[in-house]
Amino acid sequence: MAIALEGCVSSLRSSMQLLDSSIAILDSGVNDFARLSKVLQTTRHFELVSEQDLQAAQSSLLAEIRPEVDSLLSRVANYLDKLERREQSLIAKCELQEGRLSQGGSTSGMGNTTSRTTTSGSNALEELKTKQLRQKKERLSYAVGRLEMQASQRERQLRKSMAAQ
């Protein structure tokens, strides 16, 4: 009977070793299961939108923006026209002042010294006004250039958005 029990004990030991080995294999396989489940989990990075929905959104956006852009472009055109008229007016005024200065220089030799002093004082005043007008003209031309650049940039943006459709 002792021999029969020894066979049972040895069979039980080999079964336990086999079971320990199986547990070790399963443990090594399942040990990384949390990381694997996280790695294998699907994540949607981008949401797909149908082309029809995209075109509808673009046309809606275009319908919303177009009146504003047209309004801004007309305002810029009106402002540019106003600045152009102002520039022409300033040029005409400058030419008039230059004409007055040139006439004042030819008649100044005829008067006495007090009239010469008055003429030179008015010439200095006229020169100062002319200088101020030139500076103002430069500022206005800079503003016109900046507005033209903004208008062309907005036109390009509008063309891009139109081309995207």
C-alpha atoms as a PDB file:
ATOM      1  CA  MET A   1       0.000   0.000   0.000  1.00  0.00           C
ATOM      2  CA  ALA A   2       2.895   2.306   0.652  1.00  0.00           C
ATOM      3  CA  ILE A   3       4.015   1.832  -2.920  1.00  0.00           C
ATOM      4  CA  ALA A   4       0.577   2.663  -4.210  1.00  0.00           C
ATOM      5  CA  LEU A   5       0.510   5.799  -2.104  1.00  0.00           C
ATOM      6  CA  GLU A   6       3.949   6.789  -3.306  1.00  0.00           C
ATOM      7  CA  GLY A   7       2.701   6.579  -6.898  1.00  0.00           C
ATOM      8  CA  CYS A   8      -0.288   8.726  -5.987  1.00  0.00           C
ATOM      9  CA  VAL A   9       1.917  11.262  -4.185  1.00  0.00           C
ATOM     10  CA  SER A  10       4.363  11.403  -7.063  1.00  0.00           C
ATOM     11  CA  SER A  11       1.495  11.782  -9.546  1.00  0.00           C
ATOM     12  CA  LEU A  12       0.032  14.543  -7.370  1.00  0.00           C
ATOM     13  CA  ARG A  13       3.420  16.307  -7.222  1.00  0.00           C
ATOM     14  CA  SER A  14       3.871  16.148 -11.004  1.00  0.00           C
ATOM     15  CA  SER A  15       0.321  17.450 -11.415  1.00  0.00           C
ATOM     16  CA  MET A  16       1.094  20.338  -9.035  1.00  0.00           C
ATOM     17  CA  GLN A  17       4.326  21.125 -10.896  1.00  0.00           C
ATOM     18  CA  LEU A  18       2.402  21.091 -14.152  1.00  0.00           C
ATOM     19  CA  LEU A  19      -0.234  23.325 -12.579  1.00  0.00           C
ATOM     20  CA  ASP A  20       2.456  25.727 -11.231  1.00  0.00           C
ATOM     21  CA  SER A  21       4.067  25.813 -14.664  1.00  0.00           C
ATOM     22  CA  SER A  22       0.666  26.537 -16.267  1.00  0.00           C
ATOM     23  CA  ILE A  23      -0.020  29.287 -13.721  1.00  0.00           C
ATOM     24  CA  ALA A  24       3.397  30.858 -14.417  1.00  0.00           C
ATOM     25  CA  ILE A  25       2.754  30.801 -18.179  1.00  0.00           C
ATOM     26  CA  LEU A  26      -0.730  32.273 -17.729  1.00  0.00           C
ATOM     27  CA  ASP A  27       0.639  34.910 -15.314  1.00  0.00           C
ATOM     28  CA  SER A  28       3.322  35.992 -17.786  1.00  0.00           C
ATOM     29  CA  GLY A  29       0.669  36.170 -20.542  1.00  0.00           C
ATOM     30  CA  VAL A  30      -1.895  38.064 -18.463  1.00  0.00           C
ATOM     31  CA  ASN A  31       0.600  40.216 -16.554  1.00  0.00           C
ATOM     32  CA  ASP A  32       0.769  42.717 -19.480  1.00  0.00           C
ATOM     33  CA  PHE A  33      -2.976  42.547 -20.178  1.00  0.00           C
ATOM     34  CA  ALA A  34      -3.775  46.064 -18.839  1.00  0.00           C
ATOM     35  CA  ARG A  35      -1.195  47.664 -21.118  1.00  0.00           C
ATOM     36  CA  LEU A  36      -2.264  45.567 -24.091  1.00  0.00           C
ATOM     37  CA  SER A  37      -5.900  46.471 -23.632  1.00  0.00           C
ATOM     38  CA  LYS A  38      -4.947  50.157 -23.584  1.00  0.00           C
ATOM     39  CA  VAL A  39      -2.727  49.790 -26.674  1.00  0.00           C
ATOM     40  CA  LEU A  40      -5.289  47.819 -28.605  1.00  0.00           C
ATOM     41  CA  GLN A  41      -8.141  50.144 -27.690  1.00  0.00           C
ATOM     42  CA  THR A  42      -9.316  52.032 -30.781  1.00  0.00           C
ATOM     43  CA  THR A  43      -9.267  55.793 -30.649  1.00  0.00           C
ATOM     44  CA  ARG A  44     -10.944  58.032 -33.196  1.00  0.00           C
ATOM     45  CA  HIS A  45      -8.519  60.799 -33.956  1.00  0.00           C
ATOM     46  CA  PHE A  46     -10.490  62.366 -36.767  1.00  0.00           C
ATOM     47  CA  GLU A  47     -14.173  62.469 -37.298  1.00  0.00           C
ATOM     48  CA  LEU A  48     -15.189  61.751 -40.837  1.00  0.00           C
ATOM     49  CA  VAL A  49     -17.698  64.089 -42.424  1.00  0.00           C
ATOM     50  CA  SER A  50     -19.454  63.366 -45.657  1.00  0.00           C
ATOM     51  CA  GLU A  51     -18.609  65.479 -48.684  1.00  0.00           C
ATOM     52  CA  GLN A  52     -22.200  66.709 -48.911  1.00  0.00           C
ATOM     53  CA  ASP A  53     -22.109  67.964 -45.327  1.00  0.00           C
ATOM     54  CA  LEU A  54     -18.798  69.662 -46.013  1.00  0.00           C
ATOM     55  CA  GLN A  55     -20.133  71.375 -49.157  1.00  0.00           C
ATOM     56  CA  ALA A  56     -23.250  72.460 -47.306  1.00  0.00           C
ATOM     57  CA  ALA A  57     -21.156  73.966 -44.518  1.00  0.00           C
ATOM     58  CA  GLN A  58     -18.929  75.764 -47.040  1.00  0.00           C
ATOM     59  CA  SER A  59     -21.899  77.215 -48.922  1.00  0.00           C
ATOM     60  CA  SER A  60     -23.516  78.281 -45.655  1.00  0.00           C
ATOM     61  CA  LEU A  61     -20.310  79.963 -44.551  1.00  0.00           C
ATOM     62  CA  LEU A  62     -19.914  81.615 -47.942  1.00  0.00           C
ATOM     63  CA  ALA A  63     -23.500  82.867 -47.861  1.00  0.00           C
ATOM     64  CA  GLU A  64     -22.853  84.318 -44.427  1.00  0.00           C
ATOM     65  CA  ILE A  65     -19.508  85.933 -45.257  1.00  0.00           C
ATOM     66  CA  ARG A  66     -20.094  87.174 -48.809  1.00  0.00           C
ATOM     67  CA  PRO A  67     -22.396  90.113 -47.907  1.00  0.00           C
ATOM     68  CA  GLU A  68     -19.948  91.269 -45.248  1.00  0.00           C
ATOM     69  CA  VAL A  69     -16.999  91.043 -47.633  1.00  0.00           C
ATOM     70  CA  ASP A  70     -18.946  92.867 -50.362  1.00  0.00           C
ATOM     71  CA  SER A  71     -19.910  95.554 -47.877  1.00  0.00           C
ATOM     72  CA  LEU A  72     -16.311  95.935 -46.708  1.00  0.00           C
ATOM     73  CA  LEU A  73     -15.034  96.061 -50.273  1.00  0.00           C
ATOM     74  CA  SER A  74     -17.552  98.750 -51.217  1.00  0.00           C
ATOM     75  CA  ARG A  75     -16.630 100.746 -48.101  1.00  0.00           C
ATOM     76  CA  VAL A  76     -12.947 100.460 -48.991  1.00  0.00           C
ATOM     77  CA  ALA A  77     -13.657 101.509 -52.587  1.00  0.00           C
ATOM     78  CA  ASN A  78     -15.635 104.527 -51.370  1.00  0.00           C
ATOM     79  CA  TYR A  79     -12.898 105.452 -48.936  1.00  0.00           C
ATOM     80  CA  LEU A  80     -10.246 105.078 -51.625  1.00  0.00           C
ATOM     81  CA  ASP A  81     -12.276 107.330 -53.932  1.00  0.00           C
ATOM     82  CA  LYS A  82     -12.581 109.865 -51.139  1.00  0.00           C
ATOM     83  CA  LEU A  83      -8.830 109.708 -50.493  1.00  0.00           C
ATOM     84  CA  GLU A  84      -8.125 110.054 -54.199  1.00  0.00           C
ATOM     85  CA  ARG A  85     -10.342 113.148 -54.407  1.00  0.00           C
ATOM     86  CA  ARG A  86      -8.627 114.521 -51.312  1.00  0.00           C
ATOM     87  CA  GLU A  87      -5.226 113.846 -52.846  1.00  0.00           C
ATOM     88  CA  GLN A  88      -6.244 115.637 -56.065  1.00  0.00           C
ATOM     89  CA  SER A  89      -7.530 118.540 -53.998  1.00  0.00           C
ATOM     90  CA  LEU A  90      -4.274 118.728 -52.074  1.00  0.00           C
ATOM     91  CA  ILE A  91      -2.254 118.575 -55.276  1.00  0.00           C
ATOM     92  CA  ALA A  92      -4.320 121.409 -56.751  1.00  0.00           C
ATOM     93  CA  LYS A  93      -3.962 123.407 -53.551  1.00  0.00           C
ATOM     94  CA  CYS A  94      -0.215 122.805 -53.521  1.00  0.00           C
ATOM     95  CA  GLU A  95       0.079 123.951 -57.144  1.00  0.00           C
ATOM     96  CA  LEU A  96      -1.942 127.037 -56.299  1.00  0.00           C
ATOM     97  CA  GLN A  97       0.335 127.773 -53.355  1.00  0.00           C
ATOM     98  CA  GLU A  98       3.415 127.269 -55.518  1.00  0.00           C
ATOM     99  CA  GLY A  99       1.942 129.668 -58.073  1.00  0.00           C
ATOM    100  CA  ARG A 100       1.329 132.228 -55.368  1.00  0.00           C
ATOM    101  CA  LEU A 101       4.876 131.776 -54.068  1.00  0.00           C
ATOM    102  CA  SER A 102       6.352 132.256 -57.525  1.00  0.00           C
ATOM    103  CA  GLN A 103       4.229 135.402 -58.095  1.00  0.00           C
ATOM    104  CA  GLY A 104       5.206 136.775 -54.705  1.00  0.00           C
ATOM    105  CA  GLY A 105       8.906 136.338 -55.521  1.00  0.00           C
ATOM    106  CA  SER A 106       8.724 138.337 -58.771  1.00  0.00           C
ATOM    107  CA  THR A 107       6.891 141.357 -57.241  1.00  0.00           C
ATOM    108  CA  SER A 108       8.866 141.565 -54.016  1.00  0.00           C
ATOM    109  CA  GLY A 109      11.597 143.752 -55.535  1.00  0.00           C
ATOM    110  CA  MET A 110       9.145 146.580 -56.216  1.00  0.00           C
ATOM    111  CA  GLY A 111       8.059 147.357 -52.644  1.00  0.00           C
ATOM    112  CA  ASN A 112       9.907 148.959 -49.772  1.00  0.00           C
ATOM    113  CA  THR A 113      11.654 147.118 -46.899  1.00  0.00           C
ATOM    114  CA  THR A 114       8.516 146.711 -44.782  1.00  0.00           C
ATOM    115  CA  SER A 115       6.708 145.050 -47.681  1.00  0.00           C
ATOM    116  CA  ARG A 116       9.772 142.814 -48.188  1.00  0.00           C
ATOM    117  CA  THR A 117       9.658 141.771 -44.534  1.00  0.00           C
ATOM    118  CA  THR A 118       5.950 141.065 -44.790  1.00  0.00           C
ATOM    119  CA  THR A 119       6.488 139.139 -48.019  1.00  0.00           C
ATOM    120  CA  SER A 120       9.335 137.094 -46.535  1.00  0.00           C
ATOM    121  CA  GLY A 121       7.217 136.389 -43.457  1.00  0.00           C
ATOM    122  CA  SER A 122       4.313 135.274 -45.626  1.00  0.00           C
ATOM    123  CA  ASN A 123       6.730 133.226 -47.745  1.00  0.00           C
ATOM    124  CA  ALA A 124       7.943 131.473 -44.602  1.00  0.00           C
ATOM    125  CA  LEU A 125       4.342 130.852 -43.612  1.00  0.00           C
ATOM    126  CA  GLU A 126       3.549 129.550 -47.079  1.00  0.00           C
ATOM    127  CA  GLU A 127       6.615 127.289 -46.993  1.00  0.00           C
ATOM    128  CA  LEU A 128       5.519 125.951 -43.622  1.00  0.00           C
ATOM    129  CA  LYS A 129       2.033 125.264 -44.938  1.00  0.00           C
ATOM    130  CA  THR A 130       3.470 123.615 -48.044  1.00  0.00           C
ATOM    131  CA  LYS A 131       5.695 121.409 -45.878  1.00  0.00           C
ATOM    132  CA  GLN A 132       2.701 120.434 -43.735  1.00  0.00           C
ATOM    133  CA  LEU A 133       0.672 119.652 -46.846  1.00  0.00           C
ATOM    134  CA  ARG A 134       3.465 117.475 -48.215  1.00  0.00           C
ATOM    135  CA  GLN A 135       3.655 115.576 -44.926  1.00  0.00           C
ATOM    136  CA  LYS A 136      -0.095 115.137 -44.924  1.00  0.00           C
ATOM    137  CA  LYS A 137       0.051 113.950 -48.525  1.00  0.00           C
ATOM    138  CA  GLU A 138       2.692 111.370 -47.587  1.00  0.00           C
ATOM    139  CA  ARG A 139       0.557 110.145 -44.674  1.00  0.00           C
ATOM    140  CA  LEU A 140      -2.479 109.885 -46.926  1.00  0.00           C
ATOM    141  CA  SER A 141      -0.574 108.051 -49.646  1.00  0.00           C
ATOM    142  CA  TYR A 142       0.716 105.632 -47.002  1.00  0.00           C
ATOM    143  CA  ALA A 143      -2.841 105.106 -45.729  1.00  0.00           C
ATOM    144  CA  VAL A 144      -4.076 104.553 -49.291  1.00  0.00           C
ATOM    145  CA  GLY A 145      -1.318 102.015 -49.913  1.00  0.00           C
ATOM    146  CA  ARG A 146      -2.147 100.197 -46.695  1.00  0.00           C
ATOM    147  CA  LEU A 147      -5.853 100.096 -47.544  1.00  0.00           C
ATOM    148  CA  GLU A 148      -5.122  98.860 -51.065  1.00  0.00           C
ATOM    149  CA  MET A 149      -2.956  96.119 -49.605  1.00  0.00           C
ATOM    150  CA  GLN A 150      -5.694  95.121 -47.155  1.00  0.00           C
ATOM    151  CA  ALA A 151      -8.273  95.116 -49.950  1.00  0.00           C
ATOM    152  CA  SER A 152      -6.087  92.913 -52.141  1.00  0.00           C
ATOM    153  CA  GLN A 153      -5.449  90.568 -49.204  1.00  0.00           C
ATOM    154  CA  ARG A 154      -9.177  90.250 -48.548  1.00  0.00           C
ATOM    155  CA  GLU A 155      -9.804  89.641 -52.234  1.00  0.00           C
ATOM    156  CA  ARG A 156      -7.190  86.859 -52.191  1.00  0.00           C
ATOM    157  CA  GLN A 157      -8.797  85.309 -49.122  1.00  0.00           C
ATOM    158  CA  LEU A 158     -12.182  85.458 -50.803  1.00  0.00           C
ATOM    159  CA  ARG A 159     -10.771  83.859 -53.960  1.00  0.00           C
ATOM    160  CA  LYS A 160      -9.205  81.097 -51.870  1.00  0.00           C
ATOM    161  CA  SER A 161     -12.469  80.380 -50.120  1.00  0.00           C
ATOM    162  CA  MET A 162     -14.295  80.417 -53.461  1.00  0.00           C
ATOM    163  CA  ALA A 163     -11.697  78.084 -54.963  1.00  0.00           C
ATOM    164  CA  ALA A 164     -12.052  75.719 -52.019  1.00  0.00           C
ATOM    165  CA  GLN A 165     -15.601  75.033 -53.056  1.00  0.00           C
END
